[in-house]
Amino acid sequence: KPTVSNIRFGEHADRTRIVIEVGS
């Protein structure tokens, strides 16, 4: 079972980026 340790976001005018950090 890998670990999800963080979820980060990037914001732009018409876009949003989601980054899910996982151990494996």
PDBML (XML) file of the C-alpha atoms, coordinates in Angstrom:
<?xml version="1.0" encoding="UTF-8" ?>
<PDBx:datablock datablockName="MODEL"
   xmlns:PDBx="http://pdbml.pdb.org/schema/pdbx-v50.xsd"
   xmlns:xsi="http://www.w3.org/2001/XMLSchema-instance"
   xsi:schemaLocation="http://pdbml.pdb.org/schema/pdbx-v50.xsd pdbx-v50.xsd">
   <PDBx:atom_siteCategory>
      <PDBx:atom_site id="1">
         <PDBx:B_iso_or_equiv>0.00</PDBx:B_iso_or_equiv>
         <PDBx:Cartn_x>0.000</PDBx:Cartn_x>
         <PDBx:Cartn_y>0.000</PDBx:Cartn_y>
         <PDBx:Cartn_z>0.000</PDBx:Cartn_z>
         <PDBx:auth_asym_id>A</PDBx:auth_asym_id>
         <PDBx:auth_atom_id>CA</PDBx:auth_atom_id>
         <PDBx:auth_comp_id>LYS</PDBx:auth_comp_id>
         <PDBx:auth_seq_id>1</PDBx:auth_seq_id>
         <PDBx:group_PDB>ATOM</PDBx:group_PDB>
         <PDBx:label_alt_id xsi:nil="true" />
         <PDBx:label_asym_id>A</PDBx:label_asym_id>
         <PDBx:label_atom_id>CA</PDBx:label_atom_id>
         <PDBx:label_comp_id>LYS</PDBx:label_comp_id>
         <PDBx:label_entity_id>1</PDBx:label_entity_id>
         <PDBx:label_seq_id>1</PDBx:label_seq_id>
         <PDBx:occupancy>1.00</PDBx:occupancy>
         <PDBx:pdbx_PDB_model_num>1</PDBx:pdbx_PDB_model_num>
         <PDBx:type_symbol>C</PDBx:type_symbol>
      </PDBx:atom_site>
      <PDBx:atom_site id="2">
         <PDBx:B_iso_or_equiv>0.00</PDBx:B_iso_or_equiv>
         <PDBx:Cartn_x>1.765</PDBx:Cartn_x>
         <PDBx:Cartn_y>3.139</PDBx:Cartn_y>
         <PDBx:Cartn_z>-1.168</PDBx:Cartn_z>
         <PDBx:auth_asym_id>A</PDBx:auth_asym_id>
         <PDBx:auth_atom_id>CA</PDBx:auth_atom_id>
         <PDBx:auth_comp_id>PRO</PDBx:auth_comp_id>
         <PDBx:auth_seq_id>2</PDBx:auth_seq_id>
         <PDBx:group_PDB>ATOM</PDBx:group_PDB>
         <PDBx:label_alt_id xsi:nil="true" />
         <PDBx:label_asym_id>A</PDBx:label_asym_id>
         <PDBx:label_atom_id>CA</PDBx:label_atom_id>
         <PDBx:label_comp_id>PRO</PDBx:label_comp_id>
         <PDBx:label_entity_id>1</PDBx:label_entity_id>
         <PDBx:label_seq_id>2</PDBx:label_seq_id>
         <PDBx:occupancy>1.00</PDBx:occupancy>
         <PDBx:pdbx_PDB_model_num>1</PDBx:pdbx_PDB_model_num>
         <PDBx:type_symbol>C</PDBx:type_symbol>
      </PDBx:atom_site>
      <PDBx:atom_site id="3">
         <PDBx:B_iso_or_equiv>0.00</PDBx:B_iso_or_equiv>
         <PDBx:Cartn_x>1.195</PDBx:Cartn_x>
         <PDBx:Cartn_y>6.364</PDBx:Cartn_y>
         <PDBx:Cartn_z>0.775</PDBx:Cartn_z>
         <PDBx:auth_asym_id>A</PDBx:auth_asym_id>
         <PDBx:auth_atom_id>CA</PDBx:auth_atom_id>
         <PDBx:auth_comp_id>THR</PDBx:auth_comp_id>
         <PDBx:auth_seq_id>3</PDBx:auth_seq_id>
         <PDBx:group_PDB>ATOM</PDBx:group_PDB>
         <PDBx:label_alt_id xsi:nil="true" />
         <PDBx:label_asym_id>A</PDBx:label_asym_id>
         <PDBx:label_atom_id>CA</PDBx:label_atom_id>
         <PDBx:label_comp_id>THR</PDBx:label_comp_id>
         <PDBx:label_entity_id>1</PDBx:label_entity_id>
         <PDBx:label_seq_id>3</PDBx:label_seq_id>
         <PDBx:occupancy>1.00</PDBx:occupancy>
         <PDBx:pdbx_PDB_model_num>1</PDBx:pdbx_PDB_model_num>
         <PDBx:type_symbol>C</PDBx:type_symbol>
      </PDBx:atom_site>
      <PDBx:atom_site id="4">
         <PDBx:B_iso_or_equiv>0.00</PDBx:B_iso_or_equiv>
         <PDBx:Cartn_x>-0.419</PDBx:Cartn_x>
         <PDBx:Cartn_y>9.515</PDBx:Cartn_y>
         <PDBx:Cartn_z>-0.594</PDBx:Cartn_z>
         <PDBx:auth_asym_id>A</PDBx:auth_asym_id>
         <PDBx:auth_atom_id>CA</PDBx:auth_atom_id>
         <PDBx:auth_comp_id>VAL</PDBx:auth_comp_id>
         <PDBx:auth_seq_id>4</PDBx:auth_seq_id>
         <PDBx:group_PDB>ATOM</PDBx:group_PDB>
         <PDBx:label_alt_id xsi:nil="true" />
         <PDBx:label_asym_id>A</PDBx:label_asym_id>
         <PDBx:label_atom_id>CA</PDBx:label_atom_id>
         <PDBx:label_comp_id>VAL</PDBx:label_comp_id>
         <PDBx:label_entity_id>1</PDBx:label_entity_id>
         <PDBx:label_seq_id>4</PDBx:label_seq_id>
         <PDBx:occupancy>1.00</PDBx:occupancy>
         <PDBx:pdbx_PDB_model_num>1</PDBx:pdbx_PDB_model_num>
         <PDBx:type_symbol>C</PDBx:type_symbol>
      </PDBx:atom_site>
      <PDBx:atom_site id="5">
         <PDBx:B_iso_or_equiv>0.00</PDBx:B_iso_or_equiv>
         <PDBx:Cartn_x>1.372</PDBx:Cartn_x>
         <PDBx:Cartn_y>12.267</PDBx:Cartn_y>
         <PDBx:Cartn_z>1.332</PDBx:Cartn_z>
         <PDBx:auth_asym_id>A</PDBx:auth_asym_id>
         <PDBx:auth_atom_id>CA</PDBx:auth_atom_id>
         <PDBx:auth_comp_id>SER</PDBx:auth_comp_id>
         <PDBx:auth_seq_id>5</PDBx:auth_seq_id>
         <PDBx:group_PDB>ATOM</PDBx:group_PDB>
         <PDBx:label_alt_id xsi:nil="true" />
         <PDBx:label_asym_id>A</PDBx:label_asym_id>
         <PDBx:label_atom_id>CA</PDBx:label_atom_id>
         <PDBx:label_comp_id>SER</PDBx:label_comp_id>
         <PDBx:label_entity_id>1</PDBx:label_entity_id>
         <PDBx:label_seq_id>5</PDBx:label_seq_id>
         <PDBx:occupancy>1.00</PDBx:occupancy>
         <PDBx:pdbx_PDB_model_num>1</PDBx:pdbx_PDB_model_num>
         <PDBx:type_symbol>C</PDBx:type_symbol>
      </PDBx:atom_site>
      <PDBx:atom_site id="6">
         <PDBx:B_iso_or_equiv>0.00</PDBx:B_iso_or_equiv>
         <PDBx:Cartn_x>0.276</PDBx:Cartn_x>
         <PDBx:Cartn_y>15.485</PDBx:Cartn_y>
         <PDBx:Cartn_z>-0.349</PDBx:Cartn_z>
         <PDBx:auth_asym_id>A</PDBx:auth_asym_id>
         <PDBx:auth_atom_id>CA</PDBx:auth_atom_id>
         <PDBx:auth_comp_id>ASN</PDBx:auth_comp_id>
         <PDBx:auth_seq_id>6</PDBx:auth_seq_id>
         <PDBx:group_PDB>ATOM</PDBx:group_PDB>
         <PDBx:label_alt_id xsi:nil="true" />
         <PDBx:label_asym_id>A</PDBx:label_asym_id>
         <PDBx:label_atom_id>CA</PDBx:label_atom_id>
         <PDBx:label_comp_id>ASN</PDBx:label_comp_id>
         <PDBx:label_entity_id>1</PDBx:label_entity_id>
         <PDBx:label_seq_id>6</PDBx:label_seq_id>
         <PDBx:occupancy>1.00</PDBx:occupancy>
         <PDBx:pdbx_PDB_model_num>1</PDBx:pdbx_PDB_model_num>
         <PDBx:type_symbol>C</PDBx:type_symbol>
      </PDBx:atom_site>
      <PDBx:atom_site id="7">
         <PDBx:B_iso_or_equiv>0.00</PDBx:B_iso_or_equiv>
         <PDBx:Cartn_x>-2.018</PDBx:Cartn_x>
         <PDBx:Cartn_y>17.017</PDBx:Cartn_y>
         <PDBx:Cartn_z>-2.970</PDBx:Cartn_z>
         <PDBx:auth_asym_id>A</PDBx:auth_asym_id>
         <PDBx:auth_atom_id>CA</PDBx:auth_atom_id>
         <PDBx:auth_comp_id>ILE</PDBx:auth_comp_id>
         <PDBx:auth_seq_id>7</PDBx:auth_seq_id>
         <PDBx:group_PDB>ATOM</PDBx:group_PDB>
         <PDBx:label_alt_id xsi:nil="true" />
         <PDBx:label_asym_id>A</PDBx:label_asym_id>
         <PDBx:label_atom_id>CA</PDBx:label_atom_id>
         <PDBx:label_comp_id>ILE</PDBx:label_comp_id>
         <PDBx:label_entity_id>1</PDBx:label_entity_id>
         <PDBx:label_seq_id>7</PDBx:label_seq_id>
         <PDBx:occupancy>1.00</PDBx:occupancy>
         <PDBx:pdbx_PDB_model_num>1</PDBx:pdbx_PDB_model_num>
         <PDBx:type_symbol>C</PDBx:type_symbol>
      </PDBx:atom_site>
      <PDBx:atom_site id="8">
         <PDBx:B_iso_or_equiv>0.00</PDBx:B_iso_or_equiv>
         <PDBx:Cartn_x>-0.841</PDBx:Cartn_x>
         <PDBx:Cartn_y>20.249</PDBx:Cartn_y>
         <PDBx:Cartn_z>-4.563</PDBx:Cartn_z>
         <PDBx:auth_asym_id>A</PDBx:auth_asym_id>
         <PDBx:auth_atom_id>CA</PDBx:auth_atom_id>
         <PDBx:auth_comp_id>ARG</PDBx:auth_comp_id>
         <PDBx:auth_seq_id>8</PDBx:auth_seq_id>
         <PDBx:group_PDB>ATOM</PDBx:group_PDB>
         <PDBx:label_alt_id xsi:nil="true" />
         <PDBx:label_asym_id>A</PDBx:label_asym_id>
         <PDBx:label_atom_id>CA</PDBx:label_atom_id>
         <PDBx:label_comp_id>ARG</PDBx:label_comp_id>
         <PDBx:label_entity_id>1</PDBx:label_entity_id>
         <PDBx:label_seq_id>8</PDBx:label_seq_id>
         <PDBx:occupancy>1.00</PDBx:occupancy>
         <PDBx:pdbx_PDB_model_num>1</PDBx:pdbx_PDB_model_num>
         <PDBx:type_symbol>C</PDBx:type_symbol>
      </PDBx:atom_site>
      <PDBx:atom_site id="9">
         <PDBx:B_iso_or_equiv>0.00</PDBx:B_iso_or_equiv>
         <PDBx:Cartn_x>-2.551</PDBx:Cartn_x>
         <PDBx:Cartn_y>22.642</PDBx:Cartn_y>
         <PDBx:Cartn_z>-6.953</PDBx:Cartn_z>
         <PDBx:auth_asym_id>A</PDBx:auth_asym_id>
         <PDBx:auth_atom_id>CA</PDBx:auth_atom_id>
         <PDBx:auth_comp_id>PHE</PDBx:auth_comp_id>
         <PDBx:auth_seq_id>9</PDBx:auth_seq_id>
         <PDBx:group_PDB>ATOM</PDBx:group_PDB>
         <PDBx:label_alt_id xsi:nil="true" />
         <PDBx:label_asym_id>A</PDBx:label_asym_id>
         <PDBx:label_atom_id>CA</PDBx:label_atom_id>
         <PDBx:label_comp_id>PHE</PDBx:label_comp_id>
         <PDBx:label_entity_id>1</PDBx:label_entity_id>
         <PDBx:label_seq_id>9</PDBx:label_seq_id>
         <PDBx:occupancy>1.00</PDBx:occupancy>
         <PDBx:pdbx_PDB_model_num>1</PDBx:pdbx_PDB_model_num>
         <PDBx:type_symbol>C</PDBx:type_symbol>
      </PDBx:atom_site>
      <PDBx:atom_site id="10">
         <PDBx:B_iso_or_equiv>0.00</PDBx:B_iso_or_equiv>
         <PDBx:Cartn_x>-1.432</PDBx:Cartn_x>
         <PDBx:Cartn_y>25.067</PDBx:Cartn_y>
         <PDBx:Cartn_z>-9.630</PDBx:Cartn_z>
         <PDBx:auth_asym_id>A</PDBx:auth_asym_id>
         <PDBx:auth_atom_id>CA</PDBx:auth_atom_id>
         <PDBx:auth_comp_id>GLY</PDBx:auth_comp_id>
         <PDBx:auth_seq_id>10</PDBx:auth_seq_id>
         <PDBx:group_PDB>ATOM</PDBx:group_PDB>
         <PDBx:label_alt_id xsi:nil="true" />
         <PDBx:label_asym_id>A</PDBx:label_asym_id>
         <PDBx:label_atom_id>CA</PDBx:label_atom_id>
         <PDBx:label_comp_id>GLY</PDBx:label_comp_id>
         <PDBx:label_entity_id>1</PDBx:label_entity_id>
         <PDBx:label_seq_id>10</PDBx:label_seq_id>
         <PDBx:occupancy>1.00</PDBx:occupancy>
         <PDBx:pdbx_PDB_model_num>1</PDBx:pdbx_PDB_model_num>
         <PDBx:type_symbol>C</PDBx:type_symbol>
      </PDBx:atom_site>
      <PDBx:atom_site id="11">
         <PDBx:B_iso_or_equiv>0.00</PDBx:B_iso_or_equiv>
         <PDBx:Cartn_x>-3.731</PDBx:Cartn_x>
         <PDBx:Cartn_y>27.911</PDBx:Cartn_y>
         <PDBx:Cartn_z>-10.662</PDBx:Cartn_z>
         <PDBx:auth_asym_id>A</PDBx:auth_asym_id>
         <PDBx:auth_atom_id>CA</PDBx:auth_atom_id>
         <PDBx:auth_comp_id>GLU</PDBx:auth_comp_id>
         <PDBx:auth_seq_id>11</PDBx:auth_seq_id>
         <PDBx:group_PDB>ATOM</PDBx:group_PDB>
         <PDBx:label_alt_id xsi:nil="true" />
         <PDBx:label_asym_id>A</PDBx:label_asym_id>
         <PDBx:label_atom_id>CA</PDBx:label_atom_id>
         <PDBx:label_comp_id>GLU</PDBx:label_comp_id>
         <PDBx:label_entity_id>1</PDBx:label_entity_id>
         <PDBx:label_seq_id>11</PDBx:label_seq_id>
         <PDBx:occupancy>1.00</PDBx:occupancy>
         <PDBx:pdbx_PDB_model_num>1</PDBx:pdbx_PDB_model_num>
         <PDBx:type_symbol>C</PDBx:type_symbol>
      </PDBx:atom_site>
      <PDBx:atom_site id="12">
         <PDBx:B_iso_or_equiv>0.00</PDBx:B_iso_or_equiv>
         <PDBx:Cartn_x>-3.842</PDBx:Cartn_x>
         <PDBx:Cartn_y>29.704</PDBx:Cartn_y>
         <PDBx:Cartn_z>-14.008</PDBx:Cartn_z>
         <PDBx:auth_asym_id>A</PDBx:auth_asym_id>
         <PDBx:auth_atom_id>CA</PDBx:auth_atom_id>
         <PDBx:auth_comp_id>HIS</PDBx:auth_comp_id>
         <PDBx:auth_seq_id>12</PDBx:auth_seq_id>
         <PDBx:group_PDB>ATOM</PDBx:group_PDB>
         <PDBx:label_alt_id xsi:nil="true" />
         <PDBx:label_asym_id>A</PDBx:label_asym_id>
         <PDBx:label_atom_id>CA</PDBx:label_atom_id>
         <PDBx:label_comp_id>HIS</PDBx:label_comp_id>
         <PDBx:label_entity_id>1</PDBx:label_entity_id>
         <PDBx:label_seq_id>12</PDBx:label_seq_id>
         <PDBx:occupancy>1.00</PDBx:occupancy>
         <PDBx:pdbx_PDB_model_num>1</PDBx:pdbx_PDB_model_num>
         <PDBx:type_symbol>C</PDBx:type_symbol>
      </PDBx:atom_site>
      <PDBx:atom_site id="13">
         <PDBx:B_iso_or_equiv>0.00</PDBx:B_iso_or_equiv>
         <PDBx:Cartn_x>-6.435</PDBx:Cartn_x>
         <PDBx:Cartn_y>31.902</PDBx:Cartn_y>
         <PDBx:Cartn_z>-15.703</PDBx:Cartn_z>
         <PDBx:auth_asym_id>A</PDBx:auth_asym_id>
         <PDBx:auth_atom_id>CA</PDBx:auth_atom_id>
         <PDBx:auth_comp_id>ALA</PDBx:auth_comp_id>
         <PDBx:auth_seq_id>13</PDBx:auth_seq_id>
         <PDBx:group_PDB>ATOM</PDBx:group_PDB>
         <PDBx:label_alt_id xsi:nil="true" />
         <PDBx:label_asym_id>A</PDBx:label_asym_id>
         <PDBx:label_atom_id>CA</PDBx:label_atom_id>
         <PDBx:label_comp_id>ALA</PDBx:label_comp_id>
         <PDBx:label_entity_id>1</PDBx:label_entity_id>
         <PDBx:label_seq_id>13</PDBx:label_seq_id>
         <PDBx:occupancy>1.00</PDBx:occupancy>
         <PDBx:pdbx_PDB_model_num>1</PDBx:pdbx_PDB_model_num>
         <PDBx:type_symbol>C</PDBx:type_symbol>
      </PDBx:atom_site>
      <PDBx:atom_site id="14">
         <PDBx:B_iso_or_equiv>0.00</PDBx:B_iso_or_equiv>
         <PDBx:Cartn_x>-8.317</PDBx:Cartn_x>
         <PDBx:Cartn_y>29.085</PDBx:Cartn_y>
         <PDBx:Cartn_z>-17.410</PDBx:Cartn_z>
         <PDBx:auth_asym_id>A</PDBx:auth_asym_id>
         <PDBx:auth_atom_id>CA</PDBx:auth_atom_id>
         <PDBx:auth_comp_id>ASP</PDBx:auth_comp_id>
         <PDBx:auth_seq_id>14</PDBx:auth_seq_id>
         <PDBx:group_PDB>ATOM</PDBx:group_PDB>
         <PDBx:label_alt_id xsi:nil="true" />
         <PDBx:label_asym_id>A</PDBx:label_asym_id>
         <PDBx:label_atom_id>CA</PDBx:label_atom_id>
         <PDBx:label_comp_id>ASP</PDBx:label_comp_id>
         <PDBx:label_entity_id>1</PDBx:label_entity_id>
         <PDBx:label_seq_id>14</PDBx:label_seq_id>
         <PDBx:occupancy>1.00</PDBx:occupancy>
         <PDBx:pdbx_PDB_model_num>1</PDBx:pdbx_PDB_model_num>
         <PDBx:type_symbol>C</PDBx:type_symbol>
      </PDBx:atom_site>
      <PDBx:atom_site id="15">
         <PDBx:B_iso_or_equiv>0.00</PDBx:B_iso_or_equiv>
         <PDBx:Cartn_x>-6.579</PDBx:Cartn_x>
         <PDBx:Cartn_y>25.999</PDBx:Cartn_y>
         <PDBx:Cartn_z>-16.029</PDBx:Cartn_z>
         <PDBx:auth_asym_id>A</PDBx:auth_asym_id>
         <PDBx:auth_atom_id>CA</PDBx:auth_atom_id>
         <PDBx:auth_comp_id>ARG</PDBx:auth_comp_id>
         <PDBx:auth_seq_id>15</PDBx:auth_seq_id>
         <PDBx:group_PDB>ATOM</PDBx:group_PDB>
         <PDBx:label_alt_id xsi:nil="true" />
         <PDBx:label_asym_id>A</PDBx:label_asym_id>
         <PDBx:label_atom_id>CA</PDBx:label_atom_id>
         <PDBx:label_comp_id>ARG</PDBx:label_comp_id>
         <PDBx:label_entity_id>1</PDBx:label_entity_id>
         <PDBx:label_seq_id>15</PDBx:label_seq_id>
         <PDBx:occupancy>1.00</PDBx:occupancy>
         <PDBx:pdbx_PDB_model_num>1</PDBx:pdbx_PDB_model_num>
         <PDBx:type_symbol>C</PDBx:type_symbol>
      </PDBx:atom_site>
      <PDBx:atom_site id="16">
         <PDBx:B_iso_or_equiv>0.00</PDBx:B_iso_or_equiv>
         <PDBx:Cartn_x>-5.995</PDBx:Cartn_x>
         <PDBx:Cartn_y>24.178</PDBx:Cartn_y>
         <PDBx:Cartn_z>-12.761</PDBx:Cartn_z>
         <PDBx:auth_asym_id>A</PDBx:auth_asym_id>
         <PDBx:auth_atom_id>CA</PDBx:auth_atom_id>
         <PDBx:auth_comp_id>THR</PDBx:auth_comp_id>
         <PDBx:auth_seq_id>16</PDBx:auth_seq_id>
         <PDBx:group_PDB>ATOM</PDBx:group_PDB>
         <PDBx:label_alt_id xsi:nil="true" />
         <PDBx:label_asym_id>A</PDBx:label_asym_id>
         <PDBx:label_atom_id>CA</PDBx:label_atom_id>
         <PDBx:label_comp_id>THR</PDBx:label_comp_id>
         <PDBx:label_entity_id>1</PDBx:label_entity_id>
         <PDBx:label_seq_id>16</PDBx:label_seq_id>
         <PDBx:occupancy>1.00</PDBx:occupancy>
         <PDBx:pdbx_PDB_model_num>1</PDBx:pdbx_PDB_model_num>
         <PDBx:type_symbol>C</PDBx:type_symbol>
      </PDBx:atom_site>
      <PDBx:atom_site id="17">
         <PDBx:B_iso_or_equiv>0.00</PDBx:B_iso_or_equiv>
         <PDBx:Cartn_x>-3.306</PDBx:Cartn_x>
         <PDBx:Cartn_y>21.554</PDBx:Cartn_y>
         <PDBx:Cartn_z>-12.223</PDBx:Cartn_z>
         <PDBx:auth_asym_id>A</PDBx:auth_asym_id>
         <PDBx:auth_atom_id>CA</PDBx:auth_atom_id>
         <PDBx:auth_comp_id>ARG</PDBx:auth_comp_id>
         <PDBx:auth_seq_id>17</PDBx:auth_seq_id>
         <PDBx:group_PDB>ATOM</PDBx:group_PDB>
         <PDBx:label_alt_id xsi:nil="true" />
         <PDBx:label_asym_id>A</PDBx:label_asym_id>
         <PDBx:label_atom_id>CA</PDBx:label_atom_id>
         <PDBx:label_comp_id>ARG</PDBx:label_comp_id>
         <PDBx:label_entity_id>1</PDBx:label_entity_id>
         <PDBx:label_seq_id>17</PDBx:label_seq_id>
         <PDBx:occupancy>1.00</PDBx:occupancy>
         <PDBx:pdbx_PDB_model_num>1</PDBx:pdbx_PDB_model_num>
         <PDBx:type_symbol>C</PDBx:type_symbol>
      </PDBx:atom_site>
      <PDBx:atom_site id="18">
         <PDBx:B_iso_or_equiv>0.00</PDBx:B_iso_or_equiv>
         <PDBx:Cartn_x>-3.717</PDBx:Cartn_x>
         <PDBx:Cartn_y>18.833</PDBx:Cartn_y>
         <PDBx:Cartn_z>-9.578</PDBx:Cartn_z>
         <PDBx:auth_asym_id>A</PDBx:auth_asym_id>
         <PDBx:auth_atom_id>CA</PDBx:auth_atom_id>
         <PDBx:auth_comp_id>ILE</PDBx:auth_comp_id>
         <PDBx:auth_seq_id>18</PDBx:auth_seq_id>
         <PDBx:group_PDB>ATOM</PDBx:group_PDB>
         <PDBx:label_alt_id xsi:nil="true" />
         <PDBx:label_asym_id>A</PDBx:label_asym_id>
         <PDBx:label_atom_id>CA</PDBx:label_atom_id>
         <PDBx:label_comp_id>ILE</PDBx:label_comp_id>
         <PDBx:label_entity_id>1</PDBx:label_entity_id>
         <PDBx:label_seq_id>18</PDBx:label_seq_id>
         <PDBx:occupancy>1.00</PDBx:occupancy>
         <PDBx:pdbx_PDB_model_num>1</PDBx:pdbx_PDB_model_num>
         <PDBx:type_symbol>C</PDBx:type_symbol>
      </PDBx:atom_site>
      <PDBx:atom_site id="19">
         <PDBx:B_iso_or_equiv>0.00</PDBx:B_iso_or_equiv>
         <PDBx:Cartn_x>-0.594</PDBx:Cartn_x>
         <PDBx:Cartn_y>17.014</PDBx:Cartn_y>
         <PDBx:Cartn_z>-8.386</PDBx:Cartn_z>
         <PDBx:auth_asym_id>A</PDBx:auth_asym_id>
         <PDBx:auth_atom_id>CA</PDBx:auth_atom_id>
         <PDBx:auth_comp_id>VAL</PDBx:auth_comp_id>
         <PDBx:auth_seq_id>19</PDBx:auth_seq_id>
         <PDBx:group_PDB>ATOM</PDBx:group_PDB>
         <PDBx:label_alt_id xsi:nil="true" />
         <PDBx:label_asym_id>A</PDBx:label_asym_id>
         <PDBx:label_atom_id>CA</PDBx:label_atom_id>
         <PDBx:label_comp_id>VAL</PDBx:label_comp_id>
         <PDBx:label_entity_id>1</PDBx:label_entity_id>
         <PDBx:label_seq_id>19</PDBx:label_seq_id>
         <PDBx:occupancy>1.00</PDBx:occupancy>
         <PDBx:pdbx_PDB_model_num>1</PDBx:pdbx_PDB_model_num>
         <PDBx:type_symbol>C</PDBx:type_symbol>
      </PDBx:atom_site>
      <PDBx:atom_site id="20">
         <PDBx:B_iso_or_equiv>0.00</PDBx:B_iso_or_equiv>
         <PDBx:Cartn_x>-1.005</PDBx:Cartn_x>
         <PDBx:Cartn_y>13.918</PDBx:Cartn_y>
         <PDBx:Cartn_z>-6.202</PDBx:Cartn_z>
         <PDBx:auth_asym_id>A</PDBx:auth_asym_id>
         <PDBx:auth_atom_id>CA</PDBx:auth_atom_id>
         <PDBx:auth_comp_id>ILE</PDBx:auth_comp_id>
         <PDBx:auth_seq_id>20</PDBx:auth_seq_id>
         <PDBx:group_PDB>ATOM</PDBx:group_PDB>
         <PDBx:label_alt_id xsi:nil="true" />
         <PDBx:label_asym_id>A</PDBx:label_asym_id>
         <PDBx:label_atom_id>CA</PDBx:label_atom_id>
         <PDBx:label_comp_id>ILE</PDBx:label_comp_id>
         <PDBx:label_entity_id>1</PDBx:label_entity_id>
         <PDBx:label_seq_id>20</PDBx:label_seq_id>
         <PDBx:occupancy>1.00</PDBx:occupancy>
         <PDBx:pdbx_PDB_model_num>1</PDBx:pdbx_PDB_model_num>
         <PDBx:type_symbol>C</PDBx:type_symbol>
      </PDBx:atom_site>
      <PDBx:atom_site id="21">
         <PDBx:B_iso_or_equiv>0.00</PDBx:B_iso_or_equiv>
         <PDBx:Cartn_x>2.202</PDBx:Cartn_x>
         <PDBx:Cartn_y>12.845</PDBx:Cartn_y>
         <PDBx:Cartn_z>-4.448</PDBx:Cartn_z>
         <PDBx:auth_asym_id>A</PDBx:auth_asym_id>
         <PDBx:auth_atom_id>CA</PDBx:auth_atom_id>
         <PDBx:auth_comp_id>GLU</PDBx:auth_comp_id>
         <PDBx:auth_seq_id>21</PDBx:auth_seq_id>
         <PDBx:group_PDB>ATOM</PDBx:group_PDB>
         <PDBx:label_alt_id xsi:nil="true" />
         <PDBx:label_asym_id>A</PDBx:label_asym_id>
         <PDBx:label_atom_id>CA</PDBx:label_atom_id>
         <PDBx:label_comp_id>GLU</PDBx:label_comp_id>
         <PDBx:label_entity_id>1</PDBx:label_entity_id>
         <PDBx:label_seq_id>21</PDBx:label_seq_id>
         <PDBx:occupancy>1.00</PDBx:occupancy>
         <PDBx:pdbx_PDB_model_num>1</PDBx:pdbx_PDB_model_num>
         <PDBx:type_symbol>C</PDBx:type_symbol>
      </PDBx:atom_site>
      <PDBx:atom_site id="22">
         <PDBx:B_iso_or_equiv>0.00</PDBx:B_iso_or_equiv>
         <PDBx:Cartn_x>2.453</PDBx:Cartn_x>
         <PDBx:Cartn_y>9.099</PDBx:Cartn_y>
         <PDBx:Cartn_z>-3.838</PDBx:Cartn_z>
         <PDBx:auth_asym_id>A</PDBx:auth_asym_id>
         <PDBx:auth_atom_id>CA</PDBx:auth_atom_id>
         <PDBx:auth_comp_id>VAL</PDBx:auth_comp_id>
         <PDBx:auth_seq_id>22</PDBx:auth_seq_id>
         <PDBx:group_PDB>ATOM</PDBx:group_PDB>
         <PDBx:label_alt_id xsi:nil="true" />
         <PDBx:label_asym_id>A</PDBx:label_asym_id>
         <PDBx:label_atom_id>CA</PDBx:label_atom_id>
         <PDBx:label_comp_id>VAL</PDBx:label_comp_id>
         <PDBx:label_entity_id>1</PDBx:label_entity_id>
         <PDBx:label_seq_id>22</PDBx:label_seq_id>
         <PDBx:occupancy>1.00</PDBx:occupancy>
         <PDBx:pdbx_PDB_model_num>1</PDBx:pdbx_PDB_model_num>
         <PDBx:type_symbol>C</PDBx:type_symbol>
      </PDBx:atom_site>
      <PDBx:atom_site id="23">
         <PDBx:B_iso_or_equiv>0.00</PDBx:B_iso_or_equiv>
         <PDBx:Cartn_x>5.264</PDBx:Cartn_x>
         <PDBx:Cartn_y>6.915</PDBx:Cartn_y>
         <PDBx:Cartn_z>-2.500</PDBx:Cartn_z>
         <PDBx:auth_asym_id>A</PDBx:auth_asym_id>
         <PDBx:auth_atom_id>CA</PDBx:auth_atom_id>
         <PDBx:auth_comp_id>GLY</PDBx:auth_comp_id>
         <PDBx:auth_seq_id>23</PDBx:auth_seq_id>
         <PDBx:group_PDB>ATOM</PDBx:group_PDB>
         <PDBx:label_alt_id xsi:nil="true" />
         <PDBx:label_asym_id>A</PDBx:label_asym_id>
         <PDBx:label_atom_id>CA</PDBx:label_atom_id>
         <PDBx:label_comp_id>GLY</PDBx:label_comp_id>
         <PDBx:label_entity_id>1</PDBx:label_entity_id>
         <PDBx:label_seq_id>23</PDBx:label_seq_id>
         <PDBx:occupancy>1.00</PDBx:occupancy>
         <PDBx:pdbx_PDB_model_num>1</PDBx:pdbx_PDB_model_num>
         <PDBx:type_symbol>C</PDBx:type_symbol>
      </PDBx:atom_site>
      <PDBx:atom_site id="24">
         <PDBx:B_iso_or_equiv>0.00</PDBx:B_iso_or_equiv>
         <PDBx:Cartn_x>5.226</PDBx:Cartn_x>
         <PDBx:Cartn_y>4.341</PDBx:Cartn_y>
         <PDBx:Cartn_z>-5.309</PDBx:Cartn_z>
         <PDBx:auth_asym_id>A</PDBx:auth_asym_id>
         <PDBx:auth_atom_id>CA</PDBx:auth_atom_id>
         <PDBx:auth_comp_id>SER</PDBx:auth_comp_id>
         <PDBx:auth_seq_id>24</PDBx:auth_seq_id>
         <PDBx:group_PDB>ATOM</PDBx:group_PDB>
         <PDBx:label_alt_id xsi:nil="true" />
         <PDBx:label_asym_id>A</PDBx:label_asym_id>
         <PDBx:label_atom_id>CA</PDBx:label_atom_id>
         <PDBx:label_comp_id>SER</PDBx:label_comp_id>
         <PDBx:label_entity_id>1</PDBx:label_entity_id>
         <PDBx:label_seq_id>24</PDBx:label_seq_id>
         <PDBx:occupancy>1.00</PDBx:occupancy>
         <PDBx:pdbx_PDB_model_num>1</PDBx:pdbx_PDB_model_num>
         <PDBx:type_symbol>C</PDBx:type_symbol>
      </PDBx:atom_site>
   </PDBx:atom_siteCategory>
</PDBx:datablock>
